[in-house]
């Protein structure tokens, strides 16, 4: 390209000059000390054909050199990168973004109309700044769902091209060759032919067509018809995740009412205060929630079956003949109505405070209390006649030989006399 005014249809005053390019993280690379070569008015824009300042750099080791392809005015108009012409907000092709947001840009393609349009656009950008196309960066659940798989820059786009001499078997550079020694892709593959102009206008873009087809095949989670359900079920919860971790993550979608973690089932229930917050979290996290290296499965929670509904289901069942009817629930009487509780307490028979008189059992009589078996010294009933066996008769006891077996009532009489040791006791001593 020449810099003479006669060979370029644009006036030199409309040529674009800039100090730094508009790039996406993928094209910029991961090198924080990147060095760029700046060429003032070094190339015509691939869209508007206006001379602009170009930049050339290497995004990283083992990568190919990249350069800007379109001017900054066209990049700001579509909110795209100057090199790859992908959207800066989501990293997706222009056709996919415009399809999700419902945008239709009336950009002219003719030579005269295109020149007039870009001149007016440049003046409008100078007056309003870079926020001319705010609609291109609007939040959208569909775009967030498609771009969820790309958590970071895709540096494979920066790899060198395939060496054509190696494909022919004529490359003699070996490891010093800056190009890739790999087998090329199928020439019939539509992704092998891509055009920057078609990508900018969103027409005939094979990458966009592939992403749209993939989006149609992706499983979706429809919200339940019951609008009162605001709970999400998260499966695959391990001991590494705490309630605080779930609270900090789900709070970005809305206010969280409560979180319940069930460790034995490896799941958790997250309840929101609003239905809109629960739907936003479900669309954002469905099939792609990775928290602290733990893959979680997000589903809508199921409503709990109420007691009235359960009772109605029981009533519908056919009763079995010959079985007693269901017992009443005493909890309903004693829990909610104190008056019925008192009435129920009066109707229940109280336990008897006095013992029952048993009938006479022959000559033995009624059973005696345990205290009647104790002696007088143990607090027993002294007025009761003790049982005396015939072997304890005084006629069979001898003269003091069985004095230790004397009845307790007669034992004191046997010991009243002051007898000398070894002296025998008479039979009259027992009385």
Protein backbone atom coordinates (compact mmCIF):
# COMPACT_ATOMS: atom_id res chain seq x y z
CA UNK A 1 0.00 0.00 0.00
CA UNK A 2 1.21 3.46 -0.80
CA UNK A 3 0.79 6.55 1.35
CA UNK A 4 0.08 8.96 -1.50
CA UNK A 5 -3.22 10.80 -1.37
CA UNK A 6 -4.06 10.06 -4.96
CA UNK A 7 -3.90 6.25 -4.71
CA UNK A 8 -6.16 6.02 -1.59
CA UNK A 9 -9.77 7.15 -1.65
CA UNK A 10 -9.71 8.26 1.99
CA UNK A 11 -8.38 11.63 3.01
CA UNK A 12 -5.24 11.52 5.07
CA UNK A 13 -7.12 13.19 7.91
CA UNK A 14 -9.34 10.10 8.21
CA UNK A 15 -6.47 7.68 8.55
CA UNK A 16 -6.39 6.06 11.95
CA UNK A 17 -3.54 6.28 14.42
CA UNK A 18 -3.41 4.50 17.81
CA UNK A 19 -0.93 3.70 20.57
CA UNK A 20 -2.15 0.23 21.52
CA UNK A 21 -4.38 -2.35 19.79
CA UNK A 22 -7.72 -3.73 20.96
CA UNK A 23 -7.05 -7.43 21.61
CA UNK A 24 -8.64 -10.38 23.39
CA UNK A 25 -6.67 -12.34 26.04
CA UNK A 26 -6.10 -15.21 23.61
CA UNK A 27 -4.43 -13.10 20.94
CA UNK A 28 -2.45 -11.10 23.48
CA UNK A 29 -0.85 -14.22 24.98
CA UNK A 30 0.31 -15.11 28.46
CA UNK A 31 3.64 -13.27 28.32
CA UNK A 32 3.49 -10.20 30.64
CA UNK A 33 6.63 -8.70 29.00
CA UNK A 34 5.39 -8.78 25.44
CA UNK A 35 7.15 -6.66 22.80
CA UNK A 36 5.20 -5.20 19.88
CA UNK A 37 6.32 -3.69 16.61
CA UNK A 38 4.29 -0.65 15.61
CA UNK A 39 3.87 0.40 11.99
CA UNK A 40 2.08 3.70 11.48
CA UNK A 41 -0.44 3.44 8.62
CA UNK A 42 1.15 0.15 7.68
CA UNK A 43 -1.95 -1.58 6.29
CA UNK A 44 -5.47 -1.04 5.02
CA UNK A 45 -8.37 -2.26 7.14
CA UNK A 46 -9.89 -5.47 5.81
CA UNK A 47 -13.39 -4.03 6.35
CA UNK A 48 -13.37 -0.32 5.55
CA UNK A 49 -10.11 -0.29 3.51
CA UNK A 50 -8.84 2.69 5.44
CA UNK A 51 -5.13 2.89 6.40
CA UNK A 52 -4.51 2.35 10.11
CA UNK A 53 -1.64 1.73 12.50
CA UNK A 54 -0.75 -1.96 12.66
CA UNK A 55 0.92 -3.94 15.46
CA UNK A 56 2.87 -7.18 15.25
CA UNK A 57 3.99 -9.37 18.17
CA UNK A 58 4.63 -12.93 19.32
CA UNK A 59 2.12 -14.05 21.99
CA UNK A 60 4.45 -16.67 23.51
CA UNK A 61 7.17 -19.22 23.01
CA UNK A 62 6.43 -21.63 20.22
CA UNK A 63 3.65 -19.42 18.83
CA UNK A 64 3.41 -17.68 15.50
CA UNK A 65 3.62 -13.92 15.07
CA UNK A 66 0.25 -12.19 15.00
CA UNK A 67 -0.85 -8.80 13.71
CA UNK A 68 -3.93 -6.61 13.63
CA UNK A 69 -6.29 -7.10 10.69
CA UNK A 70 -8.97 -4.43 11.12
CA UNK A 71 -8.91 -0.83 12.36
CA UNK A 72 -10.03 0.23 15.80
CA UNK A 73 -13.13 2.00 14.48
CA UNK A 74 -14.50 -1.23 13.04
CA UNK A 75 -13.47 -3.15 16.17
CA UNK A 76 -15.35 -0.71 18.44
CA UNK A 77 -18.38 -0.78 16.18
CA UNK A 78 -18.75 -4.57 16.66
CA UNK A 79 -16.95 -4.89 20.03
CA UNK A 80 -14.51 -7.44 18.59
CA UNK A 81 -10.78 -8.13 18.64
CA UNK A 82 -8.64 -6.49 15.94
CA UNK A 83 -6.90 -9.79 15.17
CA UNK A 84 -9.31 -12.73 15.51
CA UNK A 85 -12.54 -10.67 15.11
CA UNK A 86 -14.18 -12.57 18.00
CA UNK A 87 -16.42 -10.90 20.57
CA UNK A 88 -14.46 -9.38 23.47
CA UNK A 89 -17.10 -10.13 26.10
CA UNK A 90 -17.82 -13.82 25.45
CA UNK A 91 -15.06 -14.87 23.01
CA UNK A 92 -17.64 -16.06 20.45
CA UNK A 93 -18.14 -15.31 16.75
CA UNK A 94 -20.19 -12.26 15.81
CA UNK A 95 -22.95 -14.36 14.23
CA UNK A 96 -23.57 -16.29 17.47
CA UNK A 97 -23.66 -13.14 19.59
CA UNK A 98 -25.99 -11.25 17.25
CA UNK A 99 -28.26 -14.29 17.03
CA UNK A 100 -28.59 -14.49 20.82
CA UNK A 101 -29.04 -10.74 21.36
CA UNK A 102 -31.25 -10.24 18.31
CA UNK A 103 -29.03 -7.57 16.74
CA UNK A 104 -29.08 -6.59 13.09
CA UNK A 105 -26.47 -4.07 12.02
CA UNK A 106 -27.29 -2.09 8.91
CA UNK A 107 -23.70 -1.65 7.80
CA UNK A 108 -23.43 -0.73 4.12
CA UNK A 109 -21.22 -2.80 1.85
CA UNK A 110 -21.00 -0.49 -1.13
CA UNK A 111 -17.87 1.59 -1.74
CA UNK A 112 -19.40 5.09 -1.45
CA UNK A 113 -21.91 4.27 1.28
CA UNK A 114 -19.30 2.41 3.28
CA UNK A 115 -16.91 5.36 3.12
CA UNK A 116 -19.59 7.82 4.22
CA UNK A 117 -20.77 5.50 7.00
CA UNK A 118 -17.34 5.02 8.54
CA UNK A 119 -16.58 8.73 8.41
CA UNK A 120 -19.72 9.52 10.37
CA UNK A 121 -19.04 6.67 12.73
CA UNK A 122 -15.57 8.00 13.48
CA UNK A 123 -17.01 11.39 14.38
CA UNK A 124 -19.65 9.79 16.60
CA UNK A 125 -17.01 7.74 18.43
CA UNK A 126 -14.98 10.87 19.03
CA UNK A 127 -17.99 12.57 20.64
CA UNK A 128 -19.50 9.70 22.66
CA UNK A 129 -16.42 7.67 23.43
CA UNK A 130 -16.02 3.88 23.32
CA UNK A 131 -19.50 3.11 24.77
CA UNK A 132 -21.18 3.47 21.40
CA UNK A 133 -22.19 -0.20 21.13
CA UNK A 134 -23.35 -1.09 24.65
CA UNK A 135 -25.90 -3.56 23.27
CA UNK A 136 -23.11 -5.89 22.11
CA UNK A 137 -21.94 -6.49 25.69
CA UNK A 138 -25.39 -7.00 27.28
CA UNK A 139 -25.67 -10.05 29.60
CA UNK A 140 -27.37 -13.05 28.09
CA UNK A 141 -27.99 -16.53 29.56
CA UNK A 142 -27.66 -18.26 26.18
CA UNK A 143 -24.24 -16.75 25.51
CA UNK A 144 -23.05 -17.50 29.03
CA UNK A 145 -24.11 -21.10 28.60
CA UNK A 146 -22.21 -21.53 25.32
CA UNK A 147 -19.09 -19.77 26.54
CA UNK A 148 -19.05 -21.63 29.89
CA UNK A 149 -16.76 -24.31 28.46
CA UNK A 150 -14.12 -21.70 27.69
CA UNK A 151 -12.92 -20.78 31.16
CA UNK A 152 -9.80 -19.09 29.89
CA UNK A 153 -7.88 -18.09 26.79
CA UNK A 154 -7.65 -20.67 24.01
CA UNK A 155 -3.95 -20.49 23.14
CA UNK A 156 -4.15 -23.22 20.52
CA UNK A 157 -5.29 -20.56 18.10
CA UNK A 158 -1.81 -19.05 18.33
CA UNK A 159 0.03 -22.17 17.16
CA UNK A 160 2.14 -21.92 13.97
CA UNK A 161 0.72 -22.93 10.63
CA UNK A 162 1.42 -26.32 9.12
CA UNK A 163 4.62 -26.54 7.08
CA UNK A 164 3.68 -27.13 3.44
CA UNK A 165 7.18 -28.46 2.63
CA UNK A 166 6.87 -31.08 5.39
CA UNK A 167 3.56 -32.25 3.90
CA UNK A 168 5.33 -32.72 0.56
CA UNK A 169 8.29 -34.41 2.29
CA UNK A 170 10.75 -31.68 1.29
CA UNK A 171 11.34 -29.79 4.59
CA UNK A 172 15.06 -29.91 5.56
CA UNK A 173 14.97 -27.57 8.60
CA UNK A 174 14.07 -30.21 11.13
CA UNK A 175 13.56 -28.82 14.62
CA UNK A 176 14.55 -25.33 13.47
CA UNK A 177 11.47 -25.06 11.27
CA UNK A 178 9.10 -22.40 12.74
CA UNK A 179 6.04 -24.20 11.32
CA UNK A 180 4.23 -27.28 12.58
CA UNK A 181 5.12 -30.68 11.21
CA UNK A 182 1.64 -32.21 11.46
CA UNK A 183 -0.81 -33.76 9.11
CA UNK A 184 -3.28 -31.14 7.82
CA UNK A 185 -6.99 -31.43 8.42
CA UNK A 186 -9.45 -32.70 5.88
CA UNK A 187 -9.72 -30.18 3.01
CA UNK A 188 -13.45 -30.89 2.85
CA UNK A 189 -13.83 -29.75 6.46
CA UNK A 190 -15.67 -26.37 6.44
CA UNK A 191 -13.53 -25.15 9.34
CA UNK A 192 -10.45 -25.24 7.11
CA UNK A 193 -11.70 -22.24 5.09
CA UNK A 194 -12.40 -19.09 7.13
CA UNK A 195 -12.67 -15.48 6.07
CA UNK A 196 -12.26 -12.41 8.31
CA UNK A 197 -14.76 -10.34 6.32
CA UNK A 198 -17.48 -13.01 6.60
CA UNK A 199 -16.78 -13.38 10.31
CA UNK A 200 -17.09 -9.63 10.83
CA UNK A 201 -20.46 -9.39 9.08
CA UNK A 202 -21.68 -12.68 10.57
CA UNK A 203 -22.29 -14.48 7.28
CA UNK A 204 -20.96 -17.85 6.09
CA UNK A 205 -18.95 -18.38 9.26
CA UNK A 206 -18.30 -22.13 9.79
CA UNK A 207 -17.27 -21.64 13.42
CA UNK A 208 -20.56 -19.88 14.20
CA UNK A 209 -22.57 -22.59 12.46
CA UNK A 210 -20.80 -25.28 14.50
CA UNK A 211 -21.49 -23.50 17.80
CA UNK A 212 -25.16 -22.94 16.97
CA UNK A 213 -25.64 -26.62 16.12
CA UNK A 214 -23.93 -27.58 19.37
CA UNK A 215 -26.20 -25.24 21.31
CA UNK A 216 -29.29 -26.91 19.86
CA UNK A 217 -28.05 -30.33 20.98
CA UNK A 218 -27.16 -29.22 24.50
CA UNK A 219 -29.55 -30.48 27.20
CA UNK A 220 -31.69 -27.85 28.83
CA UNK A 221 -33.38 -27.71 32.23
CA UNK A 222 -36.90 -26.30 32.13
CA UNK A 223 -38.09 -24.61 35.33
CA UNK A 224 -40.96 -26.31 37.18
CA UNK A 225 -44.49 -25.05 36.74
CA UNK A 226 -44.87 -24.46 40.47
CA UNK A 227 -43.73 -20.86 40.96
CA UNK A 228 -43.25 -21.38 44.69
CA UNK A 229 -40.25 -23.65 44.15
CA UNK A 230 -37.06 -21.66 44.71
CA UNK A 231 -34.74 -24.50 45.75
CA UNK A 232 -31.91 -26.05 43.74
CA UNK A 233 -30.51 -29.52 44.36
CA UNK A 234 -26.73 -29.91 44.06
CA UNK A 235 -25.41 -33.46 43.78
CA UNK A 236 -21.84 -34.65 44.23
CA UNK A 237 -21.08 -32.56 47.32
CA UNK A 238 -18.02 -33.81 49.23
CA UNK A 239 -16.56 -32.99 52.61
CA UNK A 240 -14.23 -30.48 50.92
CA UNK A 241 -17.19 -28.13 50.34
CA UNK A 242 -18.70 -26.25 53.25
CA UNK A 243 -21.83 -24.16 53.62
CA UNK A 244 -19.72 -21.01 53.36
CA UNK A 245 -18.34 -22.08 49.97
CA UNK A 246 -21.82 -22.63 48.57
CA UNK A 247 -23.02 -19.36 50.10
CA UNK A 248 -20.23 -17.34 48.52
CA UNK A 249 -20.81 -18.86 45.07
CA UNK A 250 -24.61 -18.77 44.85
CA UNK A 251 -24.91 -15.30 46.38
CA UNK A 252 -23.92 -13.79 43.02
CA UNK A 253 -27.28 -14.86 41.56
CA UNK A 254 -29.43 -13.43 44.34
CA UNK A 255 -30.18 -13.54 48.04
CA UNK A 256 -29.91 -17.03 49.51
CA UNK A 257 -32.49 -17.97 52.15
CA UNK A 258 -30.81 -21.12 53.51
CA UNK A 259 -28.42 -23.91 52.58
CA UNK A 260 -28.76 -27.47 53.83
CA UNK A 261 -25.95 -29.99 53.25
CA UNK A 262 -26.79 -33.70 53.57
CA UNK A 263 -23.45 -35.48 53.88
CA UNK A 264 -24.82 -39.03 53.89
CA UNK A 265 -26.44 -38.44 50.48
CA UNK A 266 -23.58 -36.25 49.14
CA UNK A 267 -25.95 -33.46 48.18
CA UNK A 268 -27.03 -29.97 49.21
CA UNK A 269 -30.18 -27.87 48.92
CA UNK A 270 -29.84 -24.16 48.12
CA UNK A 271 -32.99 -22.10 48.62
CA UNK A 272 -33.32 -18.57 47.20
CA UNK A 273 -35.69 -15.86 48.34
CA UNK A 274 -36.86 -15.08 44.76
CA UNK A 275 -37.82 -17.33 41.87
CA UNK A 276 -35.88 -15.16 39.38
CA UNK A 277 -32.65 -15.72 41.29
CA UNK A 278 -33.18 -19.49 41.29
CA UNK A 279 -33.84 -19.54 37.51
CA UNK A 280 -30.72 -17.47 36.85
CA UNK A 281 -28.60 -19.81 38.96
CA UNK A 282 -30.10 -22.89 37.28
CA UNK A 283 -29.38 -21.61 33.76
CA UNK A 284 -25.88 -20.58 34.73
CA UNK A 285 -24.83 -23.71 36.65
CA UNK A 286 -26.64 -26.50 34.82
CA UNK A 287 -24.13 -29.09 33.63
CA UNK A 288 -21.03 -26.98 34.23
CA UNK A 289 -20.64 -26.12 37.91
CA UNK A 290 -17.10 -26.78 39.14
CA UNK A 291 -16.48 -25.57 42.69
CA UNK A 292 -13.03 -26.11 44.24
CA UNK A 293 -12.29 -28.91 41.80
CA UNK A 294 -15.56 -30.71 42.61
CA UNK A 295 -17.99 -31.27 39.76
CA UNK A 296 -21.55 -30.59 40.95
CA UNK A 297 -24.79 -31.63 39.29
CA UNK A 298 -27.46 -28.93 39.62
CA UNK A 299 -31.17 -29.73 39.32
CA UNK A 300 -34.41 -28.16 40.46
CA UNK A 301 -35.64 -29.24 43.89
CA UNK A 302 -38.87 -31.22 44.22
CA UNK A 303 -41.76 -29.93 46.35
CA UNK A 304 -42.34 -31.67 49.67
CA UNK A 305 -45.60 -33.61 50.01
CA UNK A 306 -47.87 -31.89 52.51
CA UNK A 307 -49.69 -33.73 55.30
CA UNK A 308 -53.17 -32.90 53.93
CA UNK A 309 -52.30 -34.24 50.51
CA UNK A 310 -50.86 -37.39 52.03
CA UNK A 311 -54.03 -37.88 54.11
CA UNK A 312 -56.16 -37.43 50.99
CA UNK A 313 -54.16 -40.12 49.23
CA UNK A 314 -54.70 -42.48 52.14
CA UNK A 315 -58.47 -41.91 52.04
CA UNK A 316 -58.61 -42.89 48.37
CA UNK A 317 -57.21 -46.36 49.07
CA UNK A 318 -59.64 -49.31 49.28
CA UNK A 319 -60.04 -50.53 52.89
CA UNK A 320 -59.26 -54.18 53.62
CA UNK A 321 -62.25 -56.03 55.16
CA UNK A 322 -61.79 -57.55 58.58
CA UNK A 323 -59.15 -55.08 59.79
CA UNK A 324 -59.73 -52.45 62.49
CA UNK A 325 -60.04 -48.85 61.44
CA UNK A 326 -57.19 -46.34 61.73
CA UNK A 327 -56.46 -45.02 65.18
CA UNK A 328 -56.93 -41.30 65.82
CA UNK A 329 -53.87 -39.13 66.08
CA UNK A 330 -53.55 -38.05 69.71
CA UNK A 331 -51.01 -35.40 68.75
CA UNK A 332 -53.69 -33.24 67.16
CA UNK A 333 -55.75 -33.24 70.38
CA UNK A 334 -52.95 -32.53 72.83
CA UNK A 335 -50.95 -30.15 70.65
CA UNK A 336 -53.41 -27.55 69.44
CA UNK A 337 -56.42 -27.45 71.84
CA UNK A 338 -55.67 -27.26 75.59
CA UNK A 339 -59.36 -27.67 76.52
CA UNK A 340 -59.59 -30.96 74.66
CA UNK A 341 -56.40 -32.08 76.34
CA UNK A 342 -57.95 -31.47 79.80
CA UNK A 343 -61.14 -33.23 78.77
CA UNK A 344 -59.17 -36.20 77.51
CA UNK A 345 -57.20 -36.35 80.76
CA UNK A 346 -60.43 -36.55 82.81
CA UNK A 347 -61.80 -39.38 80.72
CA UNK A 348 -58.72 -41.54 81.22
CA UNK A 349 -59.14 -43.75 84.37
CA UNK A 350 -56.67 -42.98 87.11
CA UNK A 351 -54.56 -45.72 88.74
CA UNK A 352 -55.90 -47.16 92.07
CA UNK A 353 -54.24 -45.78 95.15
CA UNK A 354 -55.37 -48.62 97.55
CA UNK A 355 -54.41 -52.29 97.18
CA UNK A 356 -57.01 -54.82 96.11
CA UNK A 357 -58.38 -57.18 98.78
CA UNK A 358 -57.64 -60.66 97.59
CA UNK A 359 -59.93 -63.58 98.59
CA UNK A 360 -59.00 -65.91 101.47
CA UNK A 361 -56.62 -68.62 100.39
CA UNK A 362 -57.61 -71.58 102.60
CA UNK A 363 -56.22 -71.81 106.07
CA UNK A 364 -53.26 -69.59 105.24
CA UNK A 365 -55.45 -66.52 104.97
CA UNK A 366 -54.71 -63.42 102.96
CA UNK A 367 -51.17 -62.67 101.88
CA UNK A 368 -49.21 -60.77 104.42
CA UNK A 369 -47.16 -57.66 103.83
CA UNK A 370 -43.39 -58.01 103.66
CA UNK A 371 -42.99 -56.08 106.89
CA UNK A 372 -44.87 -58.79 108.81
CA UNK A 373 -42.08 -61.27 108.23
CA UNK A 374 -39.56 -59.13 110.07
CA UNK A 375 -38.93 -59.53 113.79
CA UNK A 376 -39.75 -56.96 116.41
CA UNK A 377 -36.26 -55.61 116.33
CA UNK A 378 -36.60 -55.00 112.57
CA UNK A 379 -39.82 -52.98 112.79
CA UNK A 380 -42.27 -55.82 112.08
CA UNK A 381 -45.76 -56.29 113.46
CA UNK A 382 -45.26 -57.62 116.99
CA UNK A 383 -48.94 -58.39 117.47
CA UNK A 384 -49.00 -61.05 114.80
CA UNK A 385 -48.60 -64.69 115.95
CA UNK A 386 -45.47 -66.12 114.40
CA UNK A 387 -45.37 -69.53 112.81
CA UNK A 388 -43.97 -72.19 115.14
CA UNK A 389 -42.81 -75.50 113.73
CA UNK A 390 -43.07 -78.79 115.74
CA UNK A 391 -39.33 -79.27 115.64
CA UNK A 392 -39.02 -76.15 117.76
CA UNK A 393 -41.16 -77.60 120.59
CA UNK A 394 -39.66 -77.36 124.07
CA UNK A 395 -40.32 -81.00 124.67
CA UNK A 396 -38.00 -81.97 121.81
CA UNK A 397 -35.35 -79.33 122.37
CA UNK A 398 -33.55 -81.10 125.19
CA UNK A 399 -31.99 -79.30 128.11
CA UNK A 400 -30.29 -76.29 126.46
CA UNK A 401 -28.80 -78.15 123.54
CA UNK A 402 -30.94 -76.30 120.98
CA UNK A 403 -31.33 -73.05 122.83
CA UNK A 404 -30.10 -71.08 119.85
CA UNK A 405 -33.13 -72.29 117.90
CA UNK A 406 -35.63 -70.94 120.39
CA UNK A 407 -38.30 -68.63 119.01
CA UNK A 408 -37.45 -64.92 119.26
CA UNK A 409 -40.35 -64.25 121.64
CA UNK A 410 -39.05 -66.90 124.04
CA UNK A 411 -35.35 -66.33 123.59
CA UNK A 412 -35.19 -63.60 126.22
CA UNK A 413 -36.75 -65.85 128.85
CA UNK A 414 -34.09 -68.46 128.26
CA UNK A 415 -31.33 -65.97 128.89
CA UNK A 416 -32.72 -64.32 131.96
CA UNK A 417 -30.99 -66.54 134.48
CA UNK A 418 -27.38 -66.02 135.42
CA UNK A 419 -25.97 -69.43 134.70
CA UNK A 420 -22.44 -70.38 135.03
CA UNK A 421 -20.54 -71.62 131.99
CA UNK A 422 -21.20 -75.27 131.27
CA UNK A 423 -24.32 -75.38 133.40
CA UNK A 424 -27.31 -77.02 131.68
CA UNK A 425 -30.64 -75.24 131.32
CA UNK A 426 -33.88 -76.77 132.53
CA UNK A 427 -37.04 -77.05 130.49
CA UNK A 428 -38.75 -74.52 132.75
CA UNK A 429 -36.32 -71.84 131.57
CA UNK A 430 -38.16 -71.50 128.21
CA UNK A 431 -41.29 -70.11 129.91
